[in-house]
PDB file of N, CA and C in Angstrom:
ATOM      1  N   MET A   1     121.361 115.894 126.587  1.00  0.00           N
ATOM      2  CA  MET A   1     120.903 114.927 125.771  1.00  0.00           C
ATOM      3  C   MET A   1     120.068 115.757 124.625  1.00  0.00           C
ATOM      4  N   ASN A   2     120.612 115.275 123.325  1.00  0.00           N
ATOM      5  CA  ASN A   2     119.918 116.038 122.088  1.00  0.00           C
ATOM      6  C   ASN A   2     118.675 115.068 121.592  1.00  0.00           C
ATOM      7  N   LEU A   3     118.017 115.787 120.695  1.00  0.00           N
ATOM      8  CA  LEU A   3     116.745 115.290 120.101  1.00  0.00           C
ATOM      9  C   LEU A   3     117.021 113.856 119.440  1.00  0.00           C
ATOM     10  N   ALA A   4     117.941 113.885 118.384  1.00  0.00           N
ATOM     11  CA  ALA A   4     118.253 112.747 117.899  1.00  0.00           C
ATOM     12  C   ALA A   4     118.366 111.445 118.862  1.00  0.00           C
ATOM     13  N   TYR A   5     118.885 111.553 119.960  1.00  0.00           N
ATOM     14  CA  TYR A   5     119.148 110.519 121.147  1.00  0.00           C
ATOM     15  C   TYR A   5     117.874 110.072 121.551  1.00  0.00           C
ATOM     16  N   ILE A   6     117.112 111.065 121.806  1.00  0.00           N
ATOM     17  CA  ILE A   6     115.662 110.756 122.552  1.00  0.00           C
ATOM     18  C   ILE A   6     114.856 110.104 121.515  1.00  0.00           C
ATOM     19  N   ILE A   7     114.748 110.548 120.323  1.00  0.00           N
ATOM     20  CA  ILE A   7     113.972 109.707 119.309  1.00  0.00           C
ATOM     21  C   ILE A   7     114.637 108.468 119.056  1.00  0.00           C
ATOM     22  N   HIS A   8     115.885 108.310 118.947  1.00  0.00           N
ATOM     23  CA  HIS A   8     116.432 106.890 118.862  1.00  0.00           C
ATOM     24  C   HIS A   8     115.979 105.895 120.174  1.00  0.00           C
ATOM     25  N   THR A   9     116.029 106.414 121.317  1.00  0.00           N
ATOM     26  CA  THR A   9     115.608 105.719 122.280  1.00  0.00           C
ATOM     27  C   THR A   9     114.194 105.253 122.400  1.00  0.00           C
ATOM     28  N   LEU A  10     113.309 106.292 121.998  1.00  0.00           N
ATOM     29  CA  LEU A  10     111.808 105.983 121.986  1.00  0.00           C
ATOM     30  C   LEU A  10     111.602 104.890 121.035  1.00  0.00           C
ATOM     31  N   PHE A  11     112.251 104.798 119.763  1.00  0.00           N
ATOM     32  CA  PHE A  11     112.191 103.797 118.742  1.00  0.00           C
ATOM     33  C   PHE A  11     112.639 102.446 119.294  1.00  0.00           C
ATOM     34  N   VAL A  12     113.817 102.507 120.010  1.00  0.00           N
ATOM     35  CA  VAL A  12     114.319 101.366 120.597  1.00  0.00           C
ATOM     36  C   VAL A  12     113.218 100.669 121.712  1.00  0.00           C
ATOM     37  N   ALA A  13     112.801 101.661 122.367  1.00  0.00           N
ATOM     38  CA  ALA A  13     111.938 101.286 123.458  1.00  0.00           C
ATOM     39  C   ALA A  13     110.593 100.477 122.835  1.00  0.00           C
ATOM     40  N   TYR A  14     110.082 101.105 121.697  1.00  0.00           N
ATOM     41  CA  TYR A  14     108.836 100.698 121.226  1.00  0.00           C
ATOM     42  C   TYR A  14     109.255  99.445 120.528  1.00  0.00           C
ATOM     43  N   SER A  15     110.342  99.253 119.778  1.00  0.00           N
ATOM     44  CA  SER A  15     110.730  97.914 119.240  1.00  0.00           C
ATOM     45  C   SER A  15     110.944  96.936 120.424  1.00  0.00           C
ATOM     46  N   LEU A  16     111.260  97.009 121.497  1.00  0.00           N
ATOM     47  CA  LEU A  16     111.467  96.120 122.624  1.00  0.00           C
ATOM     48  C   LEU A  16     110.095  95.785 122.907  1.00  0.00           C
ATOM     49  N   LEU A  17     109.165  96.777 123.122  1.00  0.00           N
ATOM     50  CA  LEU A  17     107.585  96.592 123.354  1.00  0.00           C
ATOM     51  C   LEU A  17     107.043  95.297 122.483  1.00  0.00           C
ATOM     52  N   ILE A  18     107.351  95.474 121.062  1.00  0.00           N
ATOM     53  CA  ILE A  18     106.893  94.707 120.126  1.00  0.00           C
ATOM     54  C   ILE A  18     107.572  93.351 120.144  1.00  0.00           C
ATOM     55  N   PHE A  19     108.861  93.335 120.620  1.00  0.00           N
ATOM     56  CA  PHE A  19     109.639  91.909 120.815  1.00  0.00           C
ATOM     57  C   PHE A  19     108.943  91.243 121.964  1.00  0.00           C
ATOM     58  N   PHE A  20     108.671  92.124 123.014  1.00  0.00           N
ATOM     59  CA  PHE A  20     108.037  91.612 124.115  1.00  0.00           C
ATOM     60  C   PHE A  20     106.745  90.993 123.921  1.00  0.00           C
ATOM     61  N   ARG A  21     106.041  91.689 123.046  1.00  0.00           N
ATOM     62  CA  ARG A  21     104.505  91.177 122.430  1.00  0.00           C
ATOM     63  C   ARG A  21     104.647  89.881 121.641  1.00  0.00           C
ATOM     64  N   ILE A  22     105.688  89.724 121.023  1.00  0.00           N
ATOM     65  CA  ILE A  22     105.862  88.531 120.152  1.00  0.00           C
ATOM     66  C   ILE A  22     106.188  87.437 120.992  1.00  0.00           C
ATOM     67  N   ILE A  23     106.959  87.557 121.989  1.00  0.00           N
ATOM     68  CA  ILE A  23     107.271  86.469 123.078  1.00  0.00           C
ATOM     69  C   ILE A  23     106.005  86.244 123.922  1.00  0.00           C
ATOM     70  N   LEU A  24     105.293  87.326 124.183  1.00  0.00           N
ATOM     71  CA  LEU A  24     103.999  86.972 125.053  1.00  0.00           C
ATOM     72  C   LEU A  24     103.084  86.144 124.394  1.00  0.00           C
ATOM     73  N   SER A  25     103.137  86.226 123.015  1.00  0.00           N
ATOM     74  CA  SER A  25     102.133  85.633 122.145  1.00  0.00           C
ATOM     75  C   SER A  25     102.200  83.983 122.093  1.00  0.00           C
ATOM     76  N   TRP A  26     103.441  83.618 122.568  1.00  0.00           N
ATOM     77  CA  TRP A  26     104.002  82.148 122.603  1.00  0.00           C
ATOM     78  C   TRP A  26     103.319  81.720 123.867  1.00  0.00           C
ATOM     79  N   PHE A  27     103.004  82.429 124.870  1.00  0.00           N
ATOM     80  CA  PHE A  27     102.424  81.877 126.122  1.00  0.00           C
ATOM     81  C   PHE A  27     101.037  82.500 126.472  1.00  0.00           C
ATOM     82  N   PRO A  28      99.827  81.683 125.766  1.00  0.00           N
ATOM     83  CA  PRO A  28      98.691  82.489 126.102  1.00  0.00           C
ATOM     84  C   PRO A  28      98.213  82.555 127.510  1.00  0.00           C
ATOM     85  N   GLN A  29      98.672  81.639 128.324  1.00  0.00           N
ATOM     86  CA  GLN A  29      98.273  81.807 129.740  1.00  0.00           C
ATOM     87  C   GLN A  29      98.867  83.159 130.352  1.00  0.00           C
ATOM     88  N   TRP A  30      99.663  83.722 129.969  1.00  0.00           N
ATOM     89  CA  TRP A  30      99.912  85.011 130.273  1.00  0.00           C
ATOM     90  C   TRP A  30      99.320  86.206 129.748  1.00  0.00           C
ATOM     91  N   GLN A  31      98.537  85.977 128.700  1.00  0.00           N
ATOM     92  CA  GLN A  31      97.550  87.088 128.116  1.00  0.00           C
ATOM     93  C   GLN A  31      96.827  88.047 129.206  1.00  0.00           C
ATOM     94  N   SER A  32      96.335  87.234 130.188  1.00  0.00           N
ATOM     95  CA  SER A  32      95.438  88.035 131.215  1.00  0.00           C
ATOM     96  C   SER A  32      96.527  88.996 132.163  1.00  0.00           C
ATOM     97  N   HIS A  33      97.801  88.680 132.107  1.00  0.00           N
ATOM     98  CA  HIS A  33      98.588  89.310 133.181  1.00  0.00           C
ATOM     99  C   HIS A  33      98.533  90.925 132.789  1.00  0.00           C
ATOM    100  N   HIS A  34      98.576  91.692 133.695  1.00  0.00           N
ATOM    101  CA  HIS A  34      98.443  93.087 133.535  1.00  0.00           C
ATOM    102  C   HIS A  34      99.383  93.715 132.607  1.00  0.00           C
ATOM    103  N   LEU A  35     100.645  93.260 132.660  1.00  0.00           N
ATOM    104  CA  LEU A  35     101.951  93.590 131.793  1.00  0.00           C
ATOM    105  C   LEU A  35     101.609  93.353 130.489  1.00  0.00           C
ATOM    106  N   ALA A  36     101.258  92.041 130.166  1.00  0.00           N
ATOM    107  CA  ALA A  36     100.814  91.639 128.849  1.00  0.00           C
ATOM    108  C   ALA A  36      99.698  92.500 128.304  1.00  0.00           C
ATOM    109  N   ARG A  37      98.668  92.902 129.149  1.00  0.00           N
ATOM    110  CA  ARG A  37      97.631  93.753 128.515  1.00  0.00           C
ATOM    111  C   ARG A  37      98.176  95.180 128.275  1.00  0.00           C
ATOM    112  N   PHE A  38      99.018  95.537 129.180  1.00  0.00           N
ATOM    113  CA  PHE A  38      99.720  96.972 128.848  1.00  0.00           C
ATOM    114  C   PHE A  38     100.488  96.971 127.518  1.00  0.00           C
ATOM    115  N   VAL A  39     101.065  95.872 127.372  1.00  0.00           N
ATOM    116  CA  VAL A  39     101.966  95.843 126.158  1.00  0.00           C
ATOM    117  C   VAL A  39     101.051  95.706 124.837  1.00  0.00           C
ATOM    118  N   ALA A  40      99.975  94.941 125.001  1.00  0.00           N
ATOM    119  CA  ALA A  40      99.048  94.795 123.880  1.00  0.00           C
ATOM    120  C   ALA A  40      98.311  95.704 123.651  1.00  0.00           C
ATOM    121  N   PHE A  41      98.079  96.657 124.484  1.00  0.00           N
ATOM    122  CA  PHE A  41      97.288  97.949 124.390  1.00  0.00           C
ATOM    123  C   PHE A  41      98.034  99.010 123.524  1.00  0.00           C
ATOM    124  N   TYR A  42      99.338  99.069 123.954  1.00  0.00           N
ATOM    125  CA  TYR A  42     100.235  99.980 123.100  1.00  0.00           C
ATOM    126  C   TYR A  42     100.734  99.614 121.686  1.00  0.00           C
ATOM    127  N   VAL A  43     100.912  98.165 121.537  1.00  0.00           N
ATOM    128  CA  VAL A  43     101.579  97.568 120.563  1.00  0.00           C
ATOM    129  C   VAL A  43     100.472  97.045 119.336  1.00  0.00           C
ATOM    130  N   ASP A  44      99.628  96.422 119.830  1.00  0.00           N
ATOM    131  CA  ASP A  44      98.521  95.661 118.834  1.00  0.00           C
ATOM    132  C   ASP A  44      97.946  96.890 117.843  1.00  0.00           C
ATOM    133  N   PRO A  45      97.601  98.097 118.075  1.00  0.00           N
ATOM    134  CA  PRO A  45      97.103  98.957 117.075  1.00  0.00           C
ATOM    135  C   PRO A  45      98.064  99.008 115.873  1.00  0.00           C
ATOM    136  N   TYR A  46      99.400  99.158 116.228  1.00  0.00           N
ATOM    137  CA  TYR A  46     100.456  99.328 115.256  1.00  0.00           C
ATOM    138  C   TYR A  46     100.556  98.069 114.373  1.00  0.00           C
ATOM    139  N   LEU A  47     100.693  96.873 115.204  1.00  0.00           N
ATOM    140  CA  LEU A  47     100.718  95.693 114.636  1.00  0.00           C
ATOM    141  C   LEU A  47      99.524  95.450 113.662  1.00  0.00           C
ATOM    142  N   ASN A  48      98.355  95.763 114.134  1.00  0.00           N
ATOM    143  CA  ASN A  48      96.959  95.290 113.406  1.00  0.00           C
ATOM    144  C   ASN A  48      97.101  96.057 111.991  1.00  0.00           C
ATOM    145  N   LEU A  49      97.878  97.295 111.787  1.00  0.00           N
ATOM    146  CA  LEU A  49      98.091  97.835 110.499  1.00  0.00           C
ATOM    147  C   LEU A  49      98.650  96.725 109.648  1.00  0.00           C
ATOM    148  N   PHE A  50      99.828  96.059 110.004  1.00  0.00           N
ATOM    149  CA  PHE A  50     100.372  95.180 109.195  1.00  0.00           C
ATOM    150  C   PHE A  50      99.679  93.779 109.081  1.00  0.00           C
ATOM    151  N   ARG A  51      98.833  93.513 110.103  1.00  0.00           N
ATOM    152  CA  ARG A  51      98.031  92.023 110.078  1.00  0.00           C
ATOM    153  C   ARG A  51      97.000  92.339 109.203  1.00  0.00           C
ATOM    154  N   ARG A  52      96.668  93.404 108.744  1.00  0.00           N
ATOM    155  CA  ARG A  52      95.612  93.635 107.582  1.00  0.00           C
ATOM    156  C   ARG A  52      96.260  93.490 106.360  1.00  0.00           C
ATOM    157  N   LEU A  53      97.584  93.742 106.235  1.00  0.00           N
ATOM    158  CA  LEU A  53      98.314  93.586 104.826  1.00  0.00           C
ATOM    159  C   LEU A  53      98.899  92.201 104.698  1.00  0.00           C
ATOM    160  N   LEU A  54      99.278  91.691 105.863  1.00  0.00           N
ATOM    161  CA  LEU A  54      99.775  90.142 105.889  1.00  0.00           C
ATOM    162  C   LEU A  54      99.145  89.445 106.974  1.00  0.00           C
ATOM    163  N   PRO A  55      98.089  88.741 106.631  1.00  0.00           N
ATOM    164  CA  PRO A  55      97.179  88.017 107.602  1.00  0.00           C
ATOM    165  C   PRO A  55      98.191  86.914 108.085  1.00  0.00           C
ATOM    166  N   PRO A  56      98.131  86.187 109.206  1.00  0.00           N
ATOM    167  CA  PRO A  56      98.784  85.102 109.466  1.00  0.00           C
ATOM    168  C   PRO A  56      98.706  84.090 108.591  1.00  0.00           C
ATOM    169  N   LEU A  57      99.881  83.400 108.271  1.00  0.00           N
ATOM    170  CA  LEU A  57      99.997  82.316 107.473  1.00  0.00           C
ATOM    171  C   LEU A  57      99.504  80.915 108.034  1.00  0.00           C
ATOM    172  N   GLY A  58      98.657  80.271 107.405  1.00  0.00           N
ATOM    173  CA  GLY A  58      97.786  79.305 107.924  1.00  0.00           C
ATOM    174  C   GLY A  58      97.028  79.466 109.359  1.00  0.00           C
ATOM    175  N   GLY A  59      96.832  80.746 109.490  1.00  0.00           N
ATOM    176  CA  GLY A  59      96.110  81.115 110.733  1.00  0.00           C
ATOM    177  C   GLY A  59      96.907  81.182 112.210  1.00  0.00           C
ATOM    178  N   VAL A  60      98.190  80.697 111.804  1.00  0.00           N
ATOM    179  CA  VAL A  60      99.162  80.397 112.940  1.00  0.00           C
ATOM    180  C   VAL A  60     100.521  81.381 112.936  1.00  0.00           C
ATOM    181  N   LEU A  61     101.010  81.465 111.819  1.00  0.00           N
ATOM    182  CA  LEU A  61     102.372  82.261 111.724  1.00  0.00           C
ATOM    183  C   LEU A  61     102.081  83.649 111.349  1.00  0.00           C
ATOM    184  N   ASP A  62     102.363  84.552 112.162  1.00  0.00           N
ATOM    185  CA  ASP A  62     102.260  85.731 112.088  1.00  0.00           C
ATOM    186  C   ASP A  62     103.540  86.443 111.769  1.00  0.00           C
ATOM    187  N   ILE A  63     103.684  86.799 110.647  1.00  0.00           N
ATOM    188  CA  ILE A  63     104.944  87.552 110.104  1.00  0.00           C
ATOM    189  C   ILE A  63     104.955  88.910 109.988  1.00  0.00           C
ATOM    190  N   SER A  64     103.598  89.447 110.292  1.00  0.00           N
ATOM    191  CA  SER A  64     103.654  90.955 110.461  1.00  0.00           C
ATOM    192  C   SER A  64     104.338  91.744 110.962  1.00  0.00           C
ATOM    193  N   PRO A  65     104.918  91.261 112.314  1.00  0.00           N
ATOM    194  CA  PRO A  65     105.963  91.956 113.029  1.00  0.00           C
ATOM    195  C   PRO A  65     107.179  92.220 112.121  1.00  0.00           C
ATOM    196  N   ILE A  66     107.610  91.357 111.409  1.00  0.00           N
ATOM    197  CA  ILE A  66     108.873  91.815 110.657  1.00  0.00           C
ATOM    198  C   ILE A  66     108.631  92.907 109.803  1.00  0.00           C
ATOM    199  N   LEU A  67     107.476  93.093 108.983  1.00  0.00           N
ATOM    200  CA  LEU A  67     107.313  94.276 108.403  1.00  0.00           C
ATOM    201  C   LEU A  67     106.974  95.537 109.275  1.00  0.00           C
ATOM    202  N   ALA A  68     106.477  95.328 110.483  1.00  0.00           N
ATOM    203  CA  ALA A  68     106.316  96.383 111.458  1.00  0.00           C
ATOM    204  C   ALA A  68     107.822  96.954 111.987  1.00  0.00           C
ATOM    205  N   PHE A  69     108.664  96.036 112.305  1.00  0.00           N
ATOM    206  CA  PHE A  69     109.994  96.373 112.716  1.00  0.00           C
ATOM    207  C   PHE A  69     110.627  97.165 111.394  1.00  0.00           C
ATOM    208  N   PHE A  70     110.512  96.819 110.121  1.00  0.00           N
ATOM    209  CA  PHE A  70     110.985  97.405 109.136  1.00  0.00           C
ATOM    210  C   PHE A  70     110.658  98.750 109.017  1.00  0.00           C
ATOM    211  N   VAL A  71     109.337  98.962 108.988  1.00  0.00           N
ATOM    212  CA  VAL A  71     108.874 100.271 108.782  1.00  0.00           C
ATOM    213  C   VAL A  71     109.196 101.195 109.939  1.00  0.00           C
ATOM    214  N   LEU A  72     109.126 100.583 111.217  1.00  0.00           N
ATOM    215  CA  LEU A  72     109.717 101.404 112.433  1.00  0.00           C
ATOM    216  C   LEU A  72     111.123 101.815 112.029  1.00  0.00           C
ATOM    217  N   ARG A  73     111.940 100.929 111.621  1.00  0.00           N
ATOM    218  CA  ARG A  73     113.345 101.524 111.269  1.00  0.00           C
ATOM    219  C   ARG A  73     113.372 102.559 110.296  1.00  0.00           C
ATOM    220  N   VAL A  74     112.629 102.430 109.091  1.00  0.00           N
ATOM    221  CA  VAL A  74     112.556 103.328 108.017  1.00  0.00           C
ATOM    222  C   VAL A  74     111.917 104.776 108.722  1.00  0.00           C
ATOM    223  N   LEU A  75     111.033 104.794 109.470  1.00  0.00           N
ATOM    224  CA  LEU A  75     110.535 106.014 109.933  1.00  0.00           C
ATOM    225  C   LEU A  75     111.559 106.613 110.954  1.00  0.00           C
ATOM    226  N   GLU A  76     112.381 105.882 111.686  1.00  0.00           N
ATOM    227  CA  GLU A  76     113.323 106.343 112.624  1.00  0.00           C
ATOM    228  C   GLU A  76     114.609 107.051 111.647  1.00  0.00           C
ATOM    229  N   SER A  77     114.705 106.250 110.751  1.00  0.00           N
ATOM    230  CA  SER A  77     115.893 106.904 109.862  1.00  0.00           C
ATOM    231  C   SER A  77     115.300 108.082 109.217  1.00  0.00           C
ATOM    232  N   ILE A  78     114.130 108.330 108.867  1.00  0.00           N
ATOM    233  CA  ILE A  78     113.611 109.477 108.237  1.00  0.00           C
ATOM    234  C   ILE A  78     113.573 110.677 109.122  1.00  0.00           C
ATOM    235  N   LEU A  79     113.023 110.428 110.541  1.00  0.00           N
ATOM    236  CA  LEU A  79     113.023 111.399 111.196  1.00  0.00           C
ATOM    237  C   LEU A  79     114.257 111.851 111.879  1.00  0.00           C
ATOM    238  N   LEU A  80     115.333 111.086 111.950  1.00  0.00           N
ATOM    239  CA  LEU A  80     116.633 111.395 112.227  1.00  0.00           C
ATOM    240  C   LEU A  80     117.432 112.071 111.309  1.00  0.00           C
ATOM    241  N   GLY A  81     117.001 111.838 109.975  1.00  0.00           N
ATOM    242  CA  GLY A  81     117.687 112.621 108.828  1.00  0.00           C
ATOM    243  C   GLY A  81     117.075 113.930 108.761  1.00  0.00           C
ATOM    244  N   LEU A  82     115.816 114.107 109.032  1.00  0.00           N
ATOM    245  CA  LEU A  82     115.180 115.314 109.006  1.00  0.00           C
ATOM    246  C   LEU A  82     115.789 116.289 110.100  1.00  0.00           C
ATOM    247  N   ILE A  83     115.968 115.798 111.222  1.00  0.00           N
ATOM    248  CA  ILE A  83     116.499 116.800 112.246  1.00  0.00           C
ATOM    249  C   ILE A  83     117.959 116.808 112.366  1.00  0.00           C
ATOM    250  N   ARG A  84     118.865 116.185 111.556  1.00  0.00           N
ATOM    251  CA  ARG A  84     120.305 116.249 111.635  1.00  0.00           C
ATOM    252  C   ARG A  84     120.679 117.219 110.372  1.00  0.00           C
TER     253      ARG A  84
END
């Protein structure tokens, strides 16, 4: 296994955690589940960076994960470009 593969895998895993967090936000009754708290603990600090820039529209529609996914992809590309 090379370093580029490991970095790509880590970015994909974190992207999946963000996606899972988005899905969990649609089900408030699951917020107290230990898996939901685990995901929120690791993902919310990153998403909160973007929520400060893009607060939820109308207090309900949170589009900050779109920007978070975009920045994550850019960071991955930069890192992979540096090591190749």
